[in-house]
ModelCIF file with pLDDT and N, C-alpha, C, O atoms, coordinates in Angstrom:
data_MODEL
#
_entry.id   MODEL 
#
_entity.id                         1 
_entity.type                       polymer 
_entity.pdbx_number_of_molecules   1 
#
_entity_poly.entity_id                      1 
_entity_poly.type                           'polypeptide(L)' 
_entity_poly.nstd_linkage                   no 
_entity_poly.nstd_monomer                   no 
_entity_poly.pdbx_seq_one_letter_code       
;(UNK)(UNK)(UNK)(UNK)(UNK)(UNK)(UNK)(UNK)(UNK)(UNK)(UNK)(UNK)(UNK)(UNK)(UNK)(UNK)
(UNK)(UNK)(UNK)(UNK)(UNK)(UNK)(UNK)(UNK)(UNK)(UNK)(UNK)(UNK)(UNK)(UNK)(UNK)(UNK)
(UNK)(UNK)(UNK)(UNK)(UNK)(UNK)(UNK)(UNK)(UNK)(UNK)(UNK)(UNK)(UNK)(UNK)(UNK)(UNK)
;
_entity_poly.pdbx_seq_one_letter_code_can   XXXXXXXXXXXXXXXXXXXXXXXXXXXXXXXXXXXXXXXXXXXXXXXX 
_entity_poly.pdbx_strand_id                 A 
#
loop_
_entity_poly_seq.entity_id 
_entity_poly_seq.num 
_entity_poly_seq.mon_id 
_entity_poly_seq.hetero 
1 1  UNK n 
1 2  UNK n 
1 3  UNK n 
1 4  UNK n 
1 5  UNK n 
1 6  UNK n 
1 7  UNK n 
1 8  UNK n 
1 9  UNK n 
1 10 UNK n 
1 11 UNK n 
1 12 UNK n 
1 13 UNK n 
1 14 UNK n 
1 15 UNK n 
1 16 UNK n 
1 17 UNK n 
1 18 UNK n 
1 19 UNK n 
1 20 UNK n 
1 21 UNK n 
1 22 UNK n 
1 23 UNK n 
1 24 UNK n 
1 25 UNK n 
1 26 UNK n 
1 27 UNK n 
1 28 UNK n 
1 29 UNK n 
1 30 UNK n 
1 31 UNK n 
1 32 UNK n 
1 33 UNK n 
1 34 UNK n 
1 35 UNK n 
1 36 UNK n 
1 37 UNK n 
1 38 UNK n 
1 39 UNK n 
1 40 UNK n 
1 41 UNK n 
1 42 UNK n 
1 43 UNK n 
1 44 UNK n 
1 45 UNK n 
1 46 UNK n 
1 47 UNK n 
1 48 UNK n 
#
_struct_asym.id          A 
_struct_asym.entity_id   1 
#
loop_
_ma_qa_metric.id 
_ma_qa_metric.mode 
_ma_qa_metric.name 
_ma_qa_metric.software_group_id 
_ma_qa_metric.type 
1 global pLDDT . pLDDT 
2 local  pLDDT . pLDDT 
#
_ma_qa_metric_global.metric_id      1 
_ma_qa_metric_global.metric_value   93.52 
_ma_qa_metric_global.model_id       1 
_ma_qa_metric_global.ordinal_id     1 
#
loop_
_ma_qa_metric_local.label_asym_id 
_ma_qa_metric_local.label_comp_id 
_ma_qa_metric_local.label_seq_id 
_ma_qa_metric_local.metric_id 
_ma_qa_metric_local.metric_value 
_ma_qa_metric_local.model_id 
_ma_qa_metric_local.ordinal_id 
A UNK 1  2 97.00 1 1  
A UNK 2  2 97.00 1 2  
A UNK 3  2 97.00 1 3  
A UNK 4  2 93.00 1 4  
A UNK 5  2 93.00 1 5  
A UNK 6  2 95.00 1 6  
A UNK 7  2 92.00 1 7  
A UNK 8  2 92.00 1 8  
A UNK 9  2 93.00 1 9  
A UNK 10 2 93.00 1 10 
A UNK 11 2 92.00 1 11 
A UNK 12 2 90.00 1 12 
A UNK 13 2 89.00 1 13 
A UNK 14 2 88.00 1 14 
A UNK 15 2 87.00 1 15 
A UNK 16 2 83.00 1 16 
A UNK 17 2 82.00 1 17 
A UNK 18 2 79.00 1 18 
A UNK 19 2 86.00 1 19 
A UNK 20 2 90.00 1 20 
A UNK 21 2 91.00 1 21 
A UNK 22 2 95.00 1 22 
A UNK 23 2 96.00 1 23 
A UNK 24 2 96.00 1 24 
A UNK 25 2 95.00 1 25 
A UNK 26 2 94.00 1 26 
A UNK 27 2 93.00 1 27 
A UNK 28 2 93.00 1 28 
A UNK 29 2 94.00 1 29 
A UNK 30 2 95.00 1 30 
A UNK 31 2 97.00 1 31 
A UNK 32 2 96.00 1 32 
A UNK 33 2 97.00 1 33 
A UNK 34 2 97.00 1 34 
A UNK 35 2 97.00 1 35 
A UNK 36 2 96.00 1 36 
A UNK 37 2 94.00 1 37 
A UNK 38 2 96.00 1 38 
A UNK 39 2 97.00 1 39 
A UNK 40 2 97.00 1 40 
A UNK 41 2 98.00 1 41 
A UNK 42 2 96.00 1 42 
A UNK 43 2 97.00 1 43 
A UNK 44 2 96.00 1 44 
A UNK 45 2 96.00 1 45 
A UNK 46 2 97.00 1 46 
A UNK 47 2 97.00 1 47 
A UNK 48 2 98.00 1 48 
#
loop_
_atom_site.group_PDB 
_atom_site.id 
_atom_site.type_symbol 
_atom_site.label_atom_id 
_atom_site.label_alt_id 
_atom_site.label_comp_id 
_atom_site.label_asym_id 
_atom_site.label_entity_id 
_atom_site.label_seq_id 
_atom_site.pdbx_PDB_ins_code 
_atom_site.Cartn_x 
_atom_site.Cartn_y 
_atom_site.Cartn_z 
_atom_site.occupancy 
_atom_site.B_iso_or_equiv 
_atom_site.pdbx_formal_charge 
_atom_site.auth_seq_id 
_atom_site.auth_comp_id 
_atom_site.auth_asym_id 
_atom_site.auth_atom_id 
_atom_site.pdbx_PDB_model_num 
ATOM 1   N N  . UNK A 1 1  ? -7.281  -16.009 -1.760 1.00 97.00 ? 1  UNK A N  1 
ATOM 2   C CA . UNK A 1 1  ? -6.196  -15.592 -2.641 1.00 97.00 ? 1  UNK A CA 1 
ATOM 3   C C  . UNK A 1 1  ? -6.720  -14.409 -3.448 1.00 97.00 ? 1  UNK A C  1 
ATOM 4   O O  . UNK A 1 1  ? -7.621  -14.553 -4.275 1.00 97.00 ? 1  UNK A O  1 
ATOM 5   N N  . UNK A 1 2  ? -6.144  -13.243 -3.195 1.00 97.00 ? 2  UNK A N  1 
ATOM 6   C CA . UNK A 1 2  ? -6.565  -12.028 -3.878 1.00 97.00 ? 2  UNK A CA 1 
ATOM 7   C C  . UNK A 1 2  ? -5.885  -11.957 -5.246 1.00 97.00 ? 2  UNK A C  1 
ATOM 8   O O  . UNK A 1 2  ? -4.738  -12.377 -5.400 1.00 97.00 ? 2  UNK A O  1 
ATOM 9   N N  . UNK A 1 3  ? -6.598  -11.423 -6.233 1.00 97.00 ? 3  UNK A N  1 
ATOM 10  C CA . UNK A 1 3  ? -6.007  -11.228 -7.557 1.00 97.00 ? 3  UNK A CA 1 
ATOM 11  C C  . UNK A 1 3  ? -4.844  -10.248 -7.438 1.00 97.00 ? 3  UNK A C  1 
ATOM 12  O O  . UNK A 1 3  ? -4.892  -9.300  -6.654 1.00 97.00 ? 3  UNK A O  1 
ATOM 13  N N  . UNK A 1 4  ? -3.807  -10.488 -8.219 1.00 93.00 ? 4  UNK A N  1 
ATOM 14  C CA . UNK A 1 4  ? -2.622  -9.623  -8.198 1.00 93.00 ? 4  UNK A CA 1 
ATOM 15  C C  . UNK A 1 4  ? -3.033  -8.165  -8.430 1.00 93.00 ? 4  UNK A C  1 
ATOM 16  O O  . UNK A 1 4  ? -3.742  -7.850  -9.385 1.00 93.00 ? 4  UNK A O  1 
ATOM 17  N N  . UNK A 1 5  ? -2.573  -7.288  -7.539 1.00 93.00 ? 5  UNK A N  1 
ATOM 18  C CA . UNK A 1 5  ? -2.833  -5.859  -7.658 1.00 93.00 ? 5  UNK A CA 1 
ATOM 19  C C  . UNK A 1 5  ? -4.205  -5.406  -7.197 1.00 93.00 ? 5  UNK A C  1 
ATOM 20  O O  . UNK A 1 5  ? -4.545  -4.234  -7.356 1.00 93.00 ? 5  UNK A O  1 
ATOM 21  N N  . UNK A 1 6  ? -5.007  -6.308  -6.627 1.00 95.00 ? 6  UNK A N  1 
ATOM 22  C CA . UNK A 1 6  ? -6.380  -5.968  -6.233 1.00 95.00 ? 6  UNK A CA 1 
ATOM 23  C C  . UNK A 1 6  ? -6.588  -5.863  -4.723 1.00 95.00 ? 6  UNK A C  1 
ATOM 24  O O  . UNK A 1 6  ? -7.720  -5.707  -4.266 1.00 95.00 ? 6  UNK A O  1 
ATOM 25  N N  . UNK A 1 7  ? -5.507  -5.948  -3.946 1.00 92.00 ? 7  UNK A N  1 
ATOM 26  C CA . UNK A 1 7  ? -5.665  -5.915  -2.493 1.00 92.00 ? 7  UNK A CA 1 
ATOM 27  C C  . UNK A 1 7  ? -6.290  -4.606  -2.013 1.00 92.00 ? 7  UNK A C  1 
ATOM 28  O O  . UNK A 1 7  ? -7.146  -4.619  -1.128 1.00 92.00 ? 7  UNK A O  1 
ATOM 29  N N  . UNK A 1 8  ? -5.873  -3.483  -2.586 1.00 92.00 ? 8  UNK A N  1 
ATOM 30  C CA . UNK A 1 8  ? -6.419  -2.185  -2.163 1.00 92.00 ? 8  UNK A CA 1 
ATOM 31  C C  . UNK A 1 8  ? -7.915  -2.109  -2.462 1.00 92.00 ? 8  UNK A C  1 
ATOM 32  O O  . UNK A 1 8  ? -8.686  -1.578  -1.662 1.00 92.00 ? 8  UNK A O  1 
ATOM 33  N N  . UNK A 1 9  ? -8.321  -2.639  -3.612 1.00 93.00 ? 9  UNK A N  1 
ATOM 34  C CA . UNK A 1 9  ? -9.743  -2.640  -3.965 1.00 93.00 ? 9  UNK A CA 1 
ATOM 35  C C  . UNK A 1 9  ? -10.542 -3.545  -3.029 1.00 93.00 ? 9  UNK A C  1 
ATOM 36  O O  . UNK A 1 9  ? -11.647 -3.201  -2.608 1.00 93.00 ? 9  UNK A O  1 
ATOM 37  N N  . UNK A 1 10 ? -9.975  -4.694  -2.714 1.00 93.00 ? 10 UNK A N  1 
ATOM 38  C CA . UNK A 1 10 ? -10.629 -5.604  -1.777 1.00 93.00 ? 10 UNK A CA 1 
ATOM 39  C C  . UNK A 1 10 ? -10.771 -4.935  -0.412 1.00 93.00 ? 10 UNK A C  1 
ATOM 40  O O  . UNK A 1 10 ? -11.829 -5.007  0.213  1.00 93.00 ? 10 UNK A O  1 
ATOM 41  N N  . UNK A 1 11 ? -9.713  -4.292  0.043  1.00 92.00 ? 11 UNK A N  1 
ATOM 42  C CA . UNK A 1 11 ? -9.735  -3.612  1.337  1.00 92.00 ? 11 UNK A CA 1 
ATOM 43  C C  . UNK A 1 11 ? -10.789 -2.504  1.355  1.00 92.00 ? 11 UNK A C  1 
ATOM 44  O O  . UNK A 1 11 ? -11.501 -2.327  2.343  1.00 92.00 ? 11 UNK A O  1 
ATOM 45  N N  . UNK A 1 12 ? -10.878 -1.773  0.268  1.00 90.00 ? 12 UNK A N  1 
ATOM 46  C CA . UNK A 1 12 ? -11.868 -0.692  0.169  1.00 90.00 ? 12 UNK A CA 1 
ATOM 47  C C  . UNK A 1 12 ? -13.284 -1.263  0.242  1.00 90.00 ? 12 UNK A C  1 
ATOM 48  O O  . UNK A 1 12 ? -14.149 -0.711  0.922  1.00 90.00 ? 12 UNK A O  1 
ATOM 49  N N  . UNK A 1 13 ? -13.512 -2.366  -0.461 1.00 89.00 ? 13 UNK A N  1 
ATOM 50  C CA . UNK A 1 13 ? -14.827 -3.006  -0.432 1.00 89.00 ? 13 UNK A CA 1 
ATOM 51  C C  . UNK A 1 13 ? -15.155 -3.503  0.981  1.00 89.00 ? 13 UNK A C  1 
ATOM 52  O O  . UNK A 1 13 ? -16.278 -3.335  1.456  1.00 89.00 ? 13 UNK A O  1 
ATOM 53  N N  . UNK A 1 14 ? -14.180 -4.109  1.643  1.00 88.00 ? 14 UNK A N  1 
ATOM 54  C CA . UNK A 1 14 ? -14.413 -4.632  2.984  1.00 88.00 ? 14 UNK A CA 1 
ATOM 55  C C  . UNK A 1 14 ? -14.606 -3.523  4.010  1.00 88.00 ? 14 UNK A C  1 
ATOM 56  O O  . UNK A 1 14 ? -15.256 -3.743  5.032  1.00 88.00 ? 14 UNK A O  1 
ATOM 57  N N  . UNK A 1 15 ? -14.062 -2.349  3.762  1.00 87.00 ? 15 UNK A N  1 
ATOM 58  C CA . UNK A 1 15 ? -14.212 -1.224  4.698  1.00 87.00 ? 15 UNK A CA 1 
ATOM 59  C C  . UNK A 1 15 ? -15.673 -0.813  4.847  1.00 87.00 ? 15 UNK A C  1 
ATOM 60  O O  . UNK A 1 15 ? -16.053 -0.244  5.871  1.00 87.00 ? 15 UNK A O  1 
ATOM 61  N N  . UNK A 1 16 ? -16.483 -1.091  3.851  1.00 83.00 ? 16 UNK A N  1 
ATOM 62  C CA . UNK A 1 16 ? -17.912 -0.759  3.941  1.00 83.00 ? 16 UNK A CA 1 
ATOM 63  C C  . UNK A 1 16 ? -18.609 -1.537  5.056  1.00 83.00 ? 16 UNK A C  1 
ATOM 64  O O  . UNK A 1 16 ? -19.622 -1.091  5.595  1.00 83.00 ? 16 UNK A O  1 
ATOM 65  N N  . UNK A 1 17 ? -18.066 -2.689  5.392  1.00 82.00 ? 17 UNK A N  1 
ATOM 66  C CA . UNK A 1 17 ? -18.674 -3.526  6.427  1.00 82.00 ? 17 UNK A CA 1 
ATOM 67  C C  . UNK A 1 17 ? -18.703 -2.812  7.779  1.00 82.00 ? 17 UNK A C  1 
ATOM 68  O O  . UNK A 1 17 ? -19.583 -3.065  8.602  1.00 82.00 ? 17 UNK A O  1 
ATOM 69  N N  . UNK A 1 18 ? -17.734 -1.916  8.005  1.00 79.00 ? 18 UNK A N  1 
ATOM 70  C CA . UNK A 1 18 ? -17.664 -1.223  9.300  1.00 79.00 ? 18 UNK A CA 1 
ATOM 71  C C  . UNK A 1 18 ? -18.911 -0.393  9.580  1.00 79.00 ? 18 UNK A C  1 
ATOM 72  O O  . UNK A 1 18 ? -19.298 -0.227  10.737 1.00 79.00 ? 18 UNK A O  1 
ATOM 73  N N  . UNK A 1 19 ? -19.547 0.131   8.526  1.00 86.00 ? 19 UNK A N  1 
ATOM 74  C CA . UNK A 1 19 ? -20.712 0.995   8.716  1.00 86.00 ? 19 UNK A CA 1 
ATOM 75  C C  . UNK A 1 19 ? -22.014 0.207   8.849  1.00 86.00 ? 19 UNK A C  1 
ATOM 76  O O  . UNK A 1 19 ? -23.051 0.777   9.189  1.00 86.00 ? 19 UNK A O  1 
ATOM 77  N N  . UNK A 1 20 ? -21.968 -1.083  8.585  1.00 90.00 ? 20 UNK A N  1 
ATOM 78  C CA . UNK A 1 20 ? -23.177 -1.900  8.671  1.00 90.00 ? 20 UNK A CA 1 
ATOM 79  C C  . UNK A 1 20 ? -23.462 -2.291  10.117 1.00 90.00 ? 20 UNK A C  1 
ATOM 80  O O  . UNK A 1 20 ? -22.548 -2.454  10.926 1.00 90.00 ? 20 UNK A O  1 
ATOM 81  N N  . UNK A 1 21 ? -24.700 -2.433  10.413 1.00 91.00 ? 21 UNK A N  1 
ATOM 82  C CA . UNK A 1 21 ? -25.118 -2.851  11.756 1.00 91.00 ? 21 UNK A CA 1 
ATOM 83  C C  . UNK A 1 21 ? -25.639 -4.290  11.664 1.00 91.00 ? 21 UNK A C  1 
ATOM 84  O O  . UNK A 1 21 ? -26.841 -4.533  11.772 1.00 91.00 ? 21 UNK A O  1 
ATOM 85  N N  . UNK A 1 22 ? -24.715 -5.239  11.463 1.00 95.00 ? 22 UNK A N  1 
ATOM 86  C CA . UNK A 1 22 ? -25.094 -6.634  11.314 1.00 95.00 ? 22 UNK A CA 1 
ATOM 87  C C  . UNK A 1 22 ? -25.290 -7.226  12.711 1.00 95.00 ? 22 UNK A C  1 
ATOM 88  O O  . UNK A 1 22 ? -24.352 -7.239  13.508 1.00 95.00 ? 22 UNK A O  1 
ATOM 89  N N  . UNK A 1 23 ? -26.487 -7.714  13.017 1.00 96.00 ? 23 UNK A N  1 
ATOM 90  C CA . UNK A 1 23 ? -26.749 -8.264  14.352 1.00 96.00 ? 23 UNK A CA 1 
ATOM 91  C C  . UNK A 1 23 ? -25.765 -9.375  14.721 1.00 96.00 ? 23 UNK A C  1 
ATOM 92  O O  . UNK A 1 23 ? -25.567 -10.326 13.965 1.00 96.00 ? 23 UNK A O  1 
ATOM 93  N N  . UNK A 1 24 ? -25.160 -9.236  15.883 1.00 96.00 ? 24 UNK A N  1 
ATOM 94  C CA . UNK A 1 24 ? -24.249 -10.241 16.401 1.00 96.00 ? 24 UNK A CA 1 
ATOM 95  C C  . UNK A 1 24 ? -22.814 -10.123 15.929 1.00 96.00 ? 24 UNK A C  1 
ATOM 96  O O  . UNK A 1 24 ? -21.939 -10.814 16.451 1.00 96.00 ? 24 UNK A O  1 
ATOM 97  N N  . UNK A 1 25 ? -22.546 -9.258  14.949 1.00 95.00 ? 25 UNK A N  1 
ATOM 98  C CA . UNK A 1 25 ? -21.181 -9.113  14.439 1.00 95.00 ? 25 UNK A CA 1 
ATOM 99  C C  . UNK A 1 25 ? -20.268 -8.546  15.521 1.00 95.00 ? 25 UNK A C  1 
ATOM 100 O O  . UNK A 1 25 ? -20.629 -7.589  16.206 1.00 95.00 ? 25 UNK A O  1 
ATOM 101 N N  . UNK A 1 26 ? -19.068 -9.146  15.675 1.00 94.00 ? 26 UNK A N  1 
ATOM 102 C CA . UNK A 1 26 ? -18.090 -8.695  16.665 1.00 94.00 ? 26 UNK A CA 1 
ATOM 103 C C  . UNK A 1 26 ? -16.861 -8.090  15.994 1.00 94.00 ? 26 UNK A C  1 
ATOM 104 O O  . UNK A 1 26 ? -16.489 -6.956  16.295 1.00 94.00 ? 26 UNK A O  1 
ATOM 105 N N  . UNK A 1 27 ? -16.221 -8.842  15.078 1.00 93.00 ? 27 UNK A N  1 
ATOM 106 C CA . UNK A 1 27 ? -14.975 -8.329  14.499 1.00 93.00 ? 27 UNK A CA 1 
ATOM 107 C C  . UNK A 1 27 ? -14.580 -9.088  13.235 1.00 93.00 ? 27 UNK A C  1 
ATOM 108 O O  . UNK A 1 27 ? -15.032 -10.204 12.977 1.00 93.00 ? 27 UNK A O  1 
ATOM 109 N N  . UNK A 1 28 ? -13.724 -8.439  12.467 1.00 93.00 ? 28 UNK A N  1 
ATOM 110 C CA . UNK A 1 28 ? -13.057 -9.068  11.320 1.00 93.00 ? 28 UNK A CA 1 
ATOM 111 C C  . UNK A 1 28 ? -11.583 -8.721  11.416 1.00 93.00 ? 28 UNK A C  1 
ATOM 112 O O  . UNK A 1 28 ? -11.230 -7.570  11.673 1.00 93.00 ? 28 UNK A O  1 
ATOM 113 N N  . UNK A 1 29 ? -10.723 -9.704  11.213 1.00 94.00 ? 29 UNK A N  1 
ATOM 114 C CA . UNK A 1 29 ? -9.277  -9.505  11.175 1.00 94.00 ? 29 UNK A CA 1 
ATOM 115 C C  . UNK A 1 29 ? -8.761  -10.181 9.917  1.00 94.00 ? 29 UNK A C  1 
ATOM 116 O O  . UNK A 1 29 ? -9.074  -11.342 9.654  1.00 94.00 ? 29 UNK A O  1 
ATOM 117 N N  . UNK A 1 30 ? -7.963  -9.445  9.132  1.00 95.00 ? 30 UNK A N  1 
ATOM 118 C CA . UNK A 1 30 ? -7.410  -9.999  7.894  1.00 95.00 ? 30 UNK A CA 1 
ATOM 119 C C  . UNK A 1 30 ? -5.889  -10.032 8.009  1.00 95.00 ? 30 UNK A C  1 
ATOM 120 O O  . UNK A 1 30 ? -5.257  -9.053  8.405  1.00 95.00 ? 30 UNK A O  1 
ATOM 121 N N  . UNK A 1 31 ? -5.323  -11.176 7.655  1.00 97.00 ? 31 UNK A N  1 
ATOM 122 C CA . UNK A 1 31 ? -3.871  -11.367 7.685  1.00 97.00 ? 31 UNK A CA 1 
ATOM 123 C C  . UNK A 1 31 ? -3.353  -11.507 6.260  1.00 97.00 ? 31 UNK A C  1 
ATOM 124 O O  . UNK A 1 31 ? -3.959  -12.211 5.453  1.00 97.00 ? 31 UNK A O  1 
ATOM 125 N N  . UNK A 1 32 ? -2.248  -10.850 5.939  1.00 96.00 ? 32 UNK A N  1 
ATOM 126 C CA . UNK A 1 32 ? -1.533  -11.047 4.674  1.00 96.00 ? 32 UNK A CA 1 
ATOM 127 C C  . UNK A 1 32 ? -0.309  -11.887 4.991  1.00 96.00 ? 32 UNK A C  1 
ATOM 128 O O  . UNK A 1 32 ? 0.454   -11.553 5.896  1.00 96.00 ? 32 UNK A O  1 
ATOM 129 N N  . UNK A 1 33 ? -0.114  -12.974 4.257  1.00 97.00 ? 33 UNK A N  1 
ATOM 130 C CA . UNK A 1 33 ? 0.982   -13.886 4.531  1.00 97.00 ? 33 UNK A CA 1 
ATOM 131 C C  . UNK A 1 33 ? 2.312   -13.338 4.013  1.00 97.00 ? 33 UNK A C  1 
ATOM 132 O O  . UNK A 1 33 ? 2.392   -12.806 2.906  1.00 97.00 ? 33 UNK A O  1 
ATOM 133 N N  . UNK A 1 34 ? 3.361   -13.482 4.845  1.00 97.00 ? 34 UNK A N  1 
ATOM 134 C CA . UNK A 1 34 ? 4.707   -13.056 4.461  1.00 97.00 ? 34 UNK A CA 1 
ATOM 135 C C  . UNK A 1 34 ? 5.193   -13.787 3.218  1.00 97.00 ? 34 UNK A C  1 
ATOM 136 O O  . UNK A 1 34 ? 5.842   -13.200 2.352  1.00 97.00 ? 34 UNK A O  1 
ATOM 137 N N  . UNK A 1 35 ? 4.872   -15.077 3.142  1.00 97.00 ? 35 UNK A N  1 
ATOM 138 C CA . UNK A 1 35 ? 5.401   -15.898 2.046  1.00 97.00 ? 35 UNK A CA 1 
ATOM 139 C C  . UNK A 1 35 ? 4.762   -15.570 0.699  1.00 97.00 ? 35 UNK A C  1 
ATOM 140 O O  . UNK A 1 35 ? 5.349   -15.840 -0.348 1.00 97.00 ? 35 UNK A O  1 
ATOM 141 N N  . UNK A 1 36 ? 3.552   -14.986 0.721  1.00 96.00 ? 36 UNK A N  1 
ATOM 142 C CA . UNK A 1 36 ? 2.844   -14.660 -0.516 1.00 96.00 ? 36 UNK A CA 1 
ATOM 143 C C  . UNK A 1 36 ? 1.857   -13.537 -0.209 1.00 96.00 ? 36 UNK A C  1 
ATOM 144 O O  . UNK A 1 36 ? 0.842   -13.777 0.443  1.00 96.00 ? 36 UNK A O  1 
ATOM 145 N N  . UNK A 1 37 ? 2.135   -12.317 -0.667 1.00 94.00 ? 37 UNK A N  1 
ATOM 146 C CA . UNK A 1 37 ? 1.263   -11.186 -0.343 1.00 94.00 ? 37 UNK A CA 1 
ATOM 147 C C  . UNK A 1 37 ? -0.147  -11.287 -0.929 1.00 94.00 ? 37 UNK A C  1 
ATOM 148 O O  . UNK A 1 37 ? -1.026  -10.522 -0.534 1.00 94.00 ? 37 UNK A O  1 
ATOM 149 N N  . UNK A 1 38 ? -0.381  -12.213 -1.860 1.00 96.00 ? 38 UNK A N  1 
ATOM 150 C CA . UNK A 1 38 ? -1.718  -12.411 -2.413 1.00 96.00 ? 38 UNK A CA 1 
ATOM 151 C C  . UNK A 1 38 ? -2.525  -13.443 -1.627 1.00 96.00 ? 38 UNK A C  1 
ATOM 152 O O  . UNK A 1 38 ? -3.697  -13.680 -1.922 1.00 96.00 ? 38 UNK A O  1 
ATOM 153 N N  . UNK A 1 39 ? -1.889  -14.054 -0.624 1.00 97.00 ? 39 UNK A N  1 
ATOM 154 C CA . UNK A 1 39 ? -2.562  -15.042 0.215  1.00 97.00 ? 39 UNK A CA 1 
ATOM 155 C C  . UNK A 1 39 ? -3.026  -14.366 1.502  1.00 97.00 ? 39 UNK A C  1 
ATOM 156 O O  . UNK A 1 39 ? -2.227  -13.788 2.238  1.00 97.00 ? 39 UNK A O  1 
ATOM 157 N N  . UNK A 1 40 ? -4.337  -14.449 1.761  1.00 97.00 ? 40 UNK A N  1 
ATOM 158 C CA . UNK A 1 40 ? -4.930  -13.805 2.930  1.00 97.00 ? 40 UNK A CA 1 
ATOM 159 C C  . UNK A 1 40 ? -5.690  -14.824 3.767  1.00 97.00 ? 40 UNK A C  1 
ATOM 160 O O  . UNK A 1 40 ? -6.220  -15.809 3.252  1.00 97.00 ? 40 UNK A O  1 
ATOM 161 N N  . UNK A 1 41 ? -5.730  -14.565 5.064  1.00 98.00 ? 41 UNK A N  1 
ATOM 162 C CA . UNK A 1 41 ? -6.615  -15.286 5.976  1.00 98.00 ? 41 UNK A CA 1 
ATOM 163 C C  . UNK A 1 41 ? -7.483  -14.242 6.651  1.00 98.00 ? 41 UNK A C  1 
ATOM 164 O O  . UNK A 1 41 ? -6.988  -13.205 7.091  1.00 98.00 ? 41 UNK A O  1 
ATOM 165 N N  . UNK A 1 42 ? -8.768  -14.514 6.734  1.00 96.00 ? 42 UNK A N  1 
ATOM 166 C CA . UNK A 1 42 ? -9.703  -13.587 7.360  1.00 96.00 ? 42 UNK A CA 1 
ATOM 167 C C  . UNK A 1 42 ? -10.433 -14.320 8.481  1.00 96.00 ? 42 UNK A C  1 
ATOM 168 O O  . UNK A 1 42 ? -11.029 -15.374 8.259  1.00 96.00 ? 42 UNK A O  1 
ATOM 169 N N  . UNK A 1 43 ? -10.381 -13.760 9.670  1.00 97.00 ? 43 UNK A N  1 
ATOM 170 C CA . UNK A 1 43 ? -11.098 -14.317 10.822 1.00 97.00 ? 43 UNK A CA 1 
ATOM 171 C C  . UNK A 1 43 ? -12.265 -13.386 11.156 1.00 97.00 ? 43 UNK A C  1 
ATOM 172 O O  . UNK A 1 43 ? -12.076 -12.188 11.367 1.00 97.00 ? 43 UNK A O  1 
ATOM 173 N N  . UNK A 1 44 ? -13.465 -13.950 11.200 1.00 96.00 ? 44 UNK A N  1 
ATOM 174 C CA . UNK A 1 44 ? -14.674 -13.177 11.476 1.00 96.00 ? 44 UNK A CA 1 
ATOM 175 C C  . UNK A 1 44 ? -15.340 -13.759 12.717 1.00 96.00 ? 44 UNK A C  1 
ATOM 176 O O  . UNK A 1 44 ? -15.482 -14.976 12.840 1.00 96.00 ? 44 UNK A O  1 
ATOM 177 N N  . UNK A 1 45 ? -15.746 -12.890 13.630 1.00 96.00 ? 45 UNK A N  1 
ATOM 178 C CA . UNK A 1 45 ? -16.378 -13.343 14.875 1.00 96.00 ? 45 UNK A CA 1 
ATOM 179 C C  . UNK A 1 45 ? -17.775 -12.749 15.030 1.00 96.00 ? 45 UNK A C  1 
ATOM 180 O O  . UNK A 1 45 ? -18.021 -11.585 14.715 1.00 96.00 ? 45 UNK A O  1 
ATOM 181 N N  . UNK A 1 46 ? -18.677 -13.591 15.525 1.00 97.00 ? 46 UNK A N  1 
ATOM 182 C CA . UNK A 1 46 ? -20.038 -13.194 15.876 1.00 97.00 ? 46 UNK A CA 1 
ATOM 183 C C  . UNK A 1 46 ? -20.299 -13.602 17.318 1.00 97.00 ? 46 UNK A C  1 
ATOM 184 O O  . UNK A 1 46 ? -19.596 -14.450 17.867 1.00 97.00 ? 46 UNK A O  1 
ATOM 185 N N  . UNK A 1 47 ? -21.295 -13.008 17.919 1.00 97.00 ? 47 UNK A N  1 
ATOM 186 C CA . UNK A 1 47 ? -21.603 -13.306 19.317 1.00 97.00 ? 47 UNK A CA 1 
ATOM 187 C C  . UNK A 1 47 ? -22.039 -14.755 19.509 1.00 97.00 ? 47 UNK A C  1 
ATOM 188 O O  . UNK A 1 47 ? -21.793 -15.344 20.561 1.00 97.00 ? 47 UNK A O  1 
ATOM 189 N N  . UNK A 1 48 ? -22.688 -15.334 18.489 1.00 98.00 ? 48 UNK A N  1 
ATOM 190 C CA . UNK A 1 48 ? -23.172 -16.702 18.609 1.00 98.00 ? 48 UNK A CA 1 
ATOM 191 C C  . UNK A 1 48 ? -23.401 -17.301 17.227 1.00 98.00 ? 48 UNK A C  1 
ATOM 192 O O  . UNK A 1 48 ? -23.813 -18.455 17.115 1.00 98.00 ? 48 UNK A O  1 
#
């Protein structure tokens, strides 16, 4: 649950992850719920 009005800041912070070379990292997907824009689900995948 993101603080009201902080989604852009959260997204900016998470964008830094793209430049990191974390061993085994595959992907991150973030969903914003229609019923509540402050409710997020994040799916993160690693090779193992």
